[in-house]
N, C-alpha and C. Protein backbone atom coordinates (compact mmCIF):
# COMPACT_ATOMS: atom_id res chain seq x y z
N MET A 1 149.41 78.07 67.77
CA MET A 1 148.53 77.28 67.97
C MET A 1 148.28 77.30 69.44
N THR A 2 146.98 77.16 69.70
CA THR A 2 147.03 77.45 71.66
C THR A 2 147.45 76.47 72.43
N ASN A 3 147.14 76.90 73.39
CA ASN A 3 147.50 75.91 74.82
C ASN A 3 146.72 74.71 74.38
N THR A 4 145.42 74.87 74.08
CA THR A 4 144.53 74.03 74.21
C THR A 4 144.82 72.74 73.56
N HIS A 5 145.08 73.13 72.27
CA HIS A 5 146.08 72.23 71.20
C HIS A 5 147.35 71.58 71.15
N MET A 6 148.40 71.99 72.36
CA MET A 6 149.46 71.40 71.83
C MET A 6 149.33 70.17 72.57
N LEU A 7 150.81 69.44 72.09
CA LEU A 7 150.67 68.09 72.48
C LEU A 7 150.83 67.71 73.46
N LYS A 8 150.87 66.78 73.86
CA LYS A 8 150.84 66.64 75.48
C LYS A 8 152.55 66.03 75.50
N MET A 9 152.95 65.51 76.20
CA MET A 9 154.42 64.70 76.55
C MET A 9 153.78 63.23 76.70
N ALA A 10 154.28 61.93 75.71
CA ALA A 10 154.32 61.02 75.77
C ALA A 10 154.30 60.76 77.62
N SER A 11 153.55 59.00 78.11
CA SER A 11 153.67 58.75 79.51
C SER A 11 153.97 57.35 79.43
N THR A 12 154.94 56.83 78.95
CA THR A 12 155.30 55.74 78.90
C THR A 12 155.79 54.91 80.08
N ASN A 13 156.23 55.79 81.00
CA ASN A 13 156.70 55.71 82.43
C ASN A 13 156.09 56.27 83.36
N PRO A 14 155.18 55.47 83.66
CA PRO A 14 154.38 56.32 85.00
C PRO A 14 155.10 56.84 86.16
N GLY A 15 156.00 56.34 86.23
CA GLY A 15 156.60 57.29 87.84
C GLY A 15 157.73 58.04 87.14
N ARG A 16 157.65 58.55 85.80
CA ARG A 16 158.16 59.84 85.08
C ARG A 16 157.04 60.60 84.93
N GLU A 17 156.20 60.73 85.26
CA GLU A 17 154.68 61.51 85.29
C GLU A 17 154.92 63.17 85.76
N THR A 18 155.56 62.95 86.89
CA THR A 18 155.68 64.42 87.77
C THR A 18 156.77 64.95 86.68
N GLU A 19 158.06 64.65 86.14
CA GLU A 19 158.80 65.04 85.09
C GLU A 19 158.27 65.31 84.23
N ARG A 20 157.47 64.67 83.67
CA ARG A 20 156.66 64.98 81.80
C ARG A 20 155.96 66.02 82.51
N GLN A 21 155.09 66.18 83.62
CA GLN A 21 154.13 67.41 83.81
C GLN A 21 154.82 68.81 83.80
N LYS A 22 155.82 68.71 84.45
CA LYS A 22 157.16 69.37 84.74
C LYS A 22 157.21 70.13 83.14
N SER A 23 157.90 69.51 82.29
CA SER A 23 158.16 69.47 80.92
C SER A 23 156.99 70.23 80.20
N GLU A 24 155.61 69.64 80.50
CA GLU A 24 154.37 70.18 79.76
C GLU A 24 154.34 71.49 80.05
N ASP A 25 154.70 71.61 81.44
CA ASP A 25 153.98 72.99 81.96
C ASP A 25 155.24 74.17 81.89
N HIS A 26 156.20 73.37 81.43
CA HIS A 26 157.63 74.62 80.81
C HIS A 26 157.22 74.96 79.24
N LEU A 27 156.88 73.91 78.33
CA LEU A 27 156.36 74.42 76.93
C LEU A 27 155.22 75.63 77.21
N ARG A 28 154.05 75.16 77.88
CA ARG A 28 152.89 76.18 78.06
C ARG A 28 153.50 77.40 78.42
N HIS A 29 154.51 77.27 79.43
CA HIS A 29 154.92 78.66 80.09
C HIS A 29 155.96 79.61 78.66
N LEU A 30 156.46 78.60 78.31
CA LEU A 30 157.26 79.44 77.34
C LEU A 30 156.60 80.55 75.97
N LEU A 31 154.80 79.13 75.77
CA LEU A 31 154.17 80.19 74.74
C LEU A 31 153.28 81.14 75.75
N GLU A 32 153.16 81.01 76.91
CA GLU A 32 152.26 81.97 77.42
C GLU A 32 153.28 83.02 77.57
N GLU A 33 154.74 83.05 77.70
CA GLU A 33 155.58 84.11 78.18
C GLU A 33 155.82 84.97 76.66
N GLY A 34 155.91 84.35 75.29
CA GLY A 34 156.06 85.06 74.38
C GLY A 34 157.01 84.57 73.45
N PHE A 35 158.04 83.06 74.34
CA PHE A 35 159.34 82.88 73.38
C PHE A 35 159.07 82.62 72.28
N LEU A 36 157.97 81.67 71.69
CA LEU A 36 157.21 81.56 70.18
C LEU A 36 156.27 82.26 70.29
N THR A 37 157.06 83.27 69.07
CA THR A 37 155.39 84.54 69.02
C THR A 37 156.08 84.25 67.06
N GLN A 38 155.22 84.55 66.34
CA GLN A 38 155.18 84.86 64.97
C GLN A 38 156.61 85.59 64.23
N ARG A 39 157.22 86.48 65.18
CA ARG A 39 158.36 86.82 64.52
C ARG A 39 159.64 86.45 65.29
N ALA A 40 159.74 85.03 65.61
CA ALA A 40 160.59 84.25 66.69
C ALA A 40 161.25 83.77 65.54
N PRO A 41 162.84 83.24 65.48
CA PRO A 41 163.38 83.06 64.97
C PRO A 41 162.77 81.36 64.60
N TYR A 42 163.89 80.68 63.51
CA TYR A 42 162.99 79.32 63.12
C TYR A 42 163.45 78.56 64.28
N ASN A 43 164.91 78.82 64.52
CA ASN A 43 165.53 77.70 65.36
C ASN A 43 164.71 77.36 66.87
N ARG A 44 164.07 78.35 66.88
CA ARG A 44 163.35 78.44 68.20
C ARG A 44 162.05 77.24 68.24
N PHE A 45 161.51 77.00 66.82
CA PHE A 45 160.36 76.23 66.51
C PHE A 45 161.06 74.85 66.31
N GLN A 46 162.28 75.12 65.63
CA GLN A 46 162.30 73.72 65.13
C GLN A 46 162.98 72.77 67.07
N ASN A 47 163.27 73.85 67.75
CA ASN A 47 163.62 73.62 69.21
C ASN A 47 162.37 72.59 69.81
N PHE A 48 160.97 73.49 69.65
CA PHE A 48 160.26 73.36 70.41
C PHE A 48 159.37 72.09 69.90
N LEU A 49 159.41 72.00 68.42
CA LEU A 49 158.67 70.94 67.90
C LEU A 49 159.62 69.49 68.26
N ASP A 50 160.94 69.49 68.35
CA ASP A 50 161.84 68.72 68.72
C ASP A 50 162.20 68.19 67.19
N LEU A 51 162.49 68.66 66.37
CA LEU A 51 162.55 68.23 65.08
C LEU A 51 164.65 68.55 65.18
N LYS A 52 164.82 67.41 64.98
CA LYS A 52 166.34 66.52 64.66
C LYS A 52 167.57 67.94 64.21
N ASP A 53 166.93 68.47 63.00
CA ASP A 53 167.91 69.10 61.98
C ASP A 53 167.29 70.12 61.65
N ASP A 54 168.55 70.53 60.78
CA ASP A 54 167.65 71.88 59.90
C ASP A 54 167.19 71.54 58.96
N ASN A 55 167.76 70.13 58.12
CA ASN A 55 166.97 69.95 57.02
C ASN A 55 165.60 69.10 57.50
N VAL A 56 165.46 69.06 58.35
CA VAL A 56 164.09 68.23 58.67
C VAL A 56 163.32 68.95 59.01
N PHE A 57 163.85 70.35 59.54
CA PHE A 57 163.21 71.49 59.84
C PHE A 57 162.18 72.26 58.42
N ALA A 58 163.41 72.56 57.30
CA ALA A 58 163.20 72.98 55.98
C ALA A 58 162.04 72.04 55.49
N ALA A 59 162.34 71.10 55.47
CA ALA A 59 161.40 69.70 54.97
C ALA A 59 159.60 70.17 55.55
N PHE A 60 159.61 70.17 56.86
CA PHE A 60 158.72 70.78 57.47
C PHE A 60 157.94 71.86 57.26
N ARG A 61 158.78 72.77 57.39
CA ARG A 61 158.31 74.11 56.72
C ARG A 61 157.40 74.22 55.30
N ARG A 62 158.34 73.22 53.95
CA ARG A 62 158.09 73.05 53.03
C ARG A 62 156.30 72.68 52.87
N LYS A 63 156.55 71.42 53.97
CA LYS A 63 155.31 70.60 53.58
C LYS A 63 153.72 71.15 54.46
N LEU A 64 154.27 72.51 55.47
CA LEU A 64 153.33 73.31 55.99
C LEU A 64 152.67 74.25 54.83
N GLU A 65 154.22 75.14 54.31
CA GLU A 65 153.61 75.51 53.30
C GLU A 65 152.89 75.15 52.41
N SER A 66 153.20 74.27 51.62
CA SER A 66 152.18 73.30 50.48
C SER A 66 151.17 73.20 51.26
N PHE A 67 151.02 72.26 52.43
CA PHE A 67 149.48 72.40 52.86
C PHE A 67 148.63 73.49 53.30
N ALA A 68 149.23 74.70 53.91
CA ALA A 68 148.40 75.96 53.69
C ALA A 68 147.81 76.33 52.23
N ASP A 69 148.53 76.22 51.41
CA ASP A 69 148.31 76.47 49.89
C ASP A 69 147.82 76.14 49.39
N GLN A 70 147.31 74.53 49.68
CA GLN A 70 146.51 73.95 48.98
C GLN A 70 145.58 74.04 49.65
N ASN A 71 145.13 74.28 50.71
CA ASN A 71 144.02 73.98 51.61
C ASN A 71 143.51 75.80 51.98
N LYS A 72 143.89 76.45 51.05
CA LYS A 72 143.58 77.93 50.92
C LYS A 72 144.04 78.66 52.03
N TYR A 73 144.49 78.48 53.10
CA TYR A 73 145.07 79.39 53.88
C TYR A 73 145.87 80.72 53.46
N SER A 74 145.28 81.61 54.22
CA SER A 74 145.84 83.00 53.29
C SER A 74 147.36 83.50 54.53
N TRP A 75 148.42 83.23 53.45
CA TRP A 75 150.04 83.72 54.98
C TRP A 75 149.66 84.99 55.42
N GLN A 76 148.99 85.87 55.12
CA GLN A 76 148.53 86.94 55.43
C GLN A 76 147.54 87.46 56.17
N GLU A 77 146.76 86.83 56.22
CA GLU A 77 145.65 86.02 57.12
C GLU A 77 145.99 85.81 58.59
N MET A 78 146.80 84.71 58.68
CA MET A 78 147.44 84.17 59.13
C MET A 78 148.48 84.70 60.30
N ALA A 79 149.26 85.76 59.18
CA ALA A 79 149.91 86.70 60.07
C ALA A 79 149.09 87.60 60.73
N GLY A 80 148.53 88.02 60.42
CA GLY A 80 147.79 89.15 61.43
C GLY A 80 147.04 88.54 62.32
N ASP A 81 146.17 89.19 63.23
CA ASP A 81 145.93 89.24 64.53
C ASP A 81 144.78 87.79 64.66
N ASP A 82 143.82 87.51 63.49
CA ASP A 82 143.09 86.30 63.59
C ASP A 82 144.10 85.00 63.91
N SER A 83 143.96 84.73 65.42
CA SER A 83 144.13 83.87 65.78
C SER A 83 143.55 82.32 65.29
N TRP A 84 142.47 82.21 64.99
CA TRP A 84 141.40 81.45 64.57
C TRP A 84 141.97 80.43 63.16
N LYS A 85 142.30 81.58 62.18
CA LYS A 85 142.72 81.19 61.17
C LYS A 85 144.13 80.06 61.32
N ARG A 86 145.14 80.83 62.19
CA ARG A 86 146.10 79.73 62.66
C ARG A 86 146.20 78.78 62.88
N ASN A 87 145.05 78.79 64.00
CA ASN A 87 144.99 77.75 64.97
C ASN A 87 144.27 76.31 63.85
N ALA A 88 143.20 77.00 62.96
CA ALA A 88 142.88 76.06 62.07
C ALA A 88 143.62 75.22 61.43
N CYS A 89 144.63 76.38 60.68
CA CYS A 89 145.66 75.28 60.00
C CYS A 89 146.20 74.41 60.62
N ALA A 90 146.91 74.89 61.64
CA ALA A 90 147.86 74.21 62.50
C ALA A 90 147.21 72.76 62.95
N THR A 91 145.90 72.80 63.75
CA THR A 91 144.97 71.88 63.84
C THR A 91 144.83 70.75 62.53
N ARG A 92 144.60 71.14 61.33
CA ARG A 92 144.29 70.17 60.18
C ARG A 92 145.92 70.00 59.93
N PHE A 93 146.93 70.29 60.20
CA PHE A 93 148.14 70.09 59.16
C PHE A 93 148.53 68.89 60.30
N LEU A 94 148.80 69.44 61.62
CA LEU A 94 148.42 68.03 62.65
C LEU A 94 147.75 66.49 62.58
N VAL A 95 146.49 66.87 62.22
CA VAL A 95 146.06 65.98 61.72
C VAL A 95 146.27 65.27 60.71
N SER A 96 146.69 65.88 59.37
CA SER A 96 146.76 65.42 58.15
C SER A 96 148.89 64.59 58.85
N PHE A 97 149.57 65.51 59.45
CA PHE A 97 151.31 64.78 59.28
C PHE A 97 151.35 64.76 60.52
N GLY A 98 150.48 65.13 61.62
CA GLY A 98 151.05 64.73 63.08
C GLY A 98 151.74 63.77 63.19
N LYS A 99 151.09 61.83 63.13
CA LYS A 99 151.59 61.28 63.25
C LYS A 99 153.20 61.09 62.41
N GLU A 100 152.75 61.34 61.43
CA GLU A 100 154.22 61.43 60.40
C GLU A 100 155.49 61.36 60.92
N TYR A 101 155.85 62.84 61.83
CA TYR A 101 156.14 63.60 62.78
C TYR A 101 156.54 62.70 64.24
N TRP A 102 155.49 62.71 65.18
CA TRP A 102 155.59 62.49 66.41
C TRP A 102 154.93 61.40 66.60
N GLY A 103 154.92 60.48 65.47
CA GLY A 103 154.42 58.93 65.73
C GLY A 103 154.66 58.07 66.79
N ASP A 104 154.32 57.01 66.84
CA ASP A 104 154.55 56.24 68.36
C ASP A 104 155.94 54.94 67.47
N HIS A 105 156.05 55.29 66.02
CA HIS A 105 157.15 54.17 65.69
C HIS A 105 158.64 54.84 66.06
N PRO A 106 159.25 54.06 66.68
CA PRO A 106 160.91 54.24 66.69
C PRO A 106 161.54 54.82 65.36
N GLU A 107 161.29 53.90 64.44
CA GLU A 107 162.27 54.63 63.71
C GLU A 107 161.74 55.70 62.61
N VAL A 108 160.40 55.75 62.50
CA VAL A 108 159.23 57.64 62.67
C VAL A 108 160.56 58.28 63.20
N ARG A 109 160.42 58.35 64.55
CA ARG A 109 160.74 59.07 65.54
C ARG A 109 162.13 59.41 65.52
N GLU A 110 162.97 58.42 65.05
CA GLU A 110 164.52 58.40 65.38
C GLU A 110 164.81 59.13 63.65
N LYS A 111 164.19 59.14 62.79
CA LYS A 111 164.69 60.29 61.44
C LYS A 111 163.94 61.30 61.27
N TYR A 112 163.01 61.53 62.18
CA TYR A 112 162.33 63.69 62.41
C TYR A 112 162.91 63.84 63.52
N LEU A 113 162.83 63.21 64.71
CA LEU A 113 163.17 63.78 66.58
C LEU A 113 164.50 63.84 66.84
N ILE A 114 164.59 65.07 67.92
CA ILE A 114 165.73 64.56 68.56
C ILE A 114 165.53 63.36 68.99
N ALA A 115 166.71 62.96 69.95
CA ALA A 115 166.67 61.65 71.07
C ALA A 115 166.91 61.94 72.28
N ASP A 116 165.49 62.16 72.38
CA ASP A 116 164.88 62.14 73.90
C ASP A 116 163.62 61.78 74.29
N GLU A 117 163.39 61.06 75.31
CA GLU A 117 162.65 60.21 75.87
C GLU A 117 161.32 60.83 75.81
N ASP A 118 161.27 62.58 76.35
CA ASP A 118 160.59 63.36 76.31
C ASP A 118 159.78 64.21 75.37
N THR A 119 160.13 63.31 74.12
CA THR A 119 159.54 64.69 72.97
C THR A 119 157.83 64.30 73.13
N CYS A 120 157.35 64.55 72.09
CA CYS A 120 156.11 63.79 72.40
C CYS A 120 155.71 63.38 71.28
N SER A 121 154.25 62.74 71.38
CA SER A 121 153.93 61.65 70.74
C SER A 121 152.61 62.22 70.35
N TRP A 122 152.68 61.68 69.20
CA TRP A 122 150.76 62.09 68.57
C TRP A 122 150.37 60.47 67.65
N SER A 123 149.22 60.56 67.68
CA SER A 123 148.09 61.14 68.65
C SER A 123 147.39 60.97 70.00
N HIS A 124 147.72 59.92 70.23
CA HIS A 124 147.12 59.68 71.64
C HIS A 124 147.55 60.24 72.72
N ASP A 125 148.91 60.66 72.58
CA ASP A 125 148.88 61.44 73.83
C ASP A 125 148.74 63.06 73.84
N GLN A 126 148.11 63.75 72.30
CA GLN A 126 147.42 65.11 71.91
C GLN A 126 146.66 65.49 73.23
N LYS A 127 146.86 66.52 73.73
CA LYS A 127 146.11 67.29 74.69
C LYS A 127 144.30 67.82 74.07
N GLN A 128 143.31 67.23 74.96
CA GLN A 128 142.24 67.44 74.32
C GLN A 128 141.95 69.38 74.85
């Protein structure tokens, strides 16, 4: 996912906007500096996505793999240098499932995400 497709941090408290901007800048820096690469350990992605545990992350990966297969995205092509394919798959996946994981309903967020008020929120806080 490119920086332009990253999720924006939730802005529920205007007084915390500066802190949230710092968090968003930190996440952008991690991406730009290569903390998350195609060969990064899975737990880095789990932490980056704010997913609460290994079971949630495993289910997320299965859902992503199934989505990619059903939509005819080739894993070999996405693993190559063509970032367009990866971005297209990630964007379509987020449109389909982003709200399920990062939506505004507290019970859903509690089910999937770490307990932290600085986690992402989909879709009204997505970065354009």
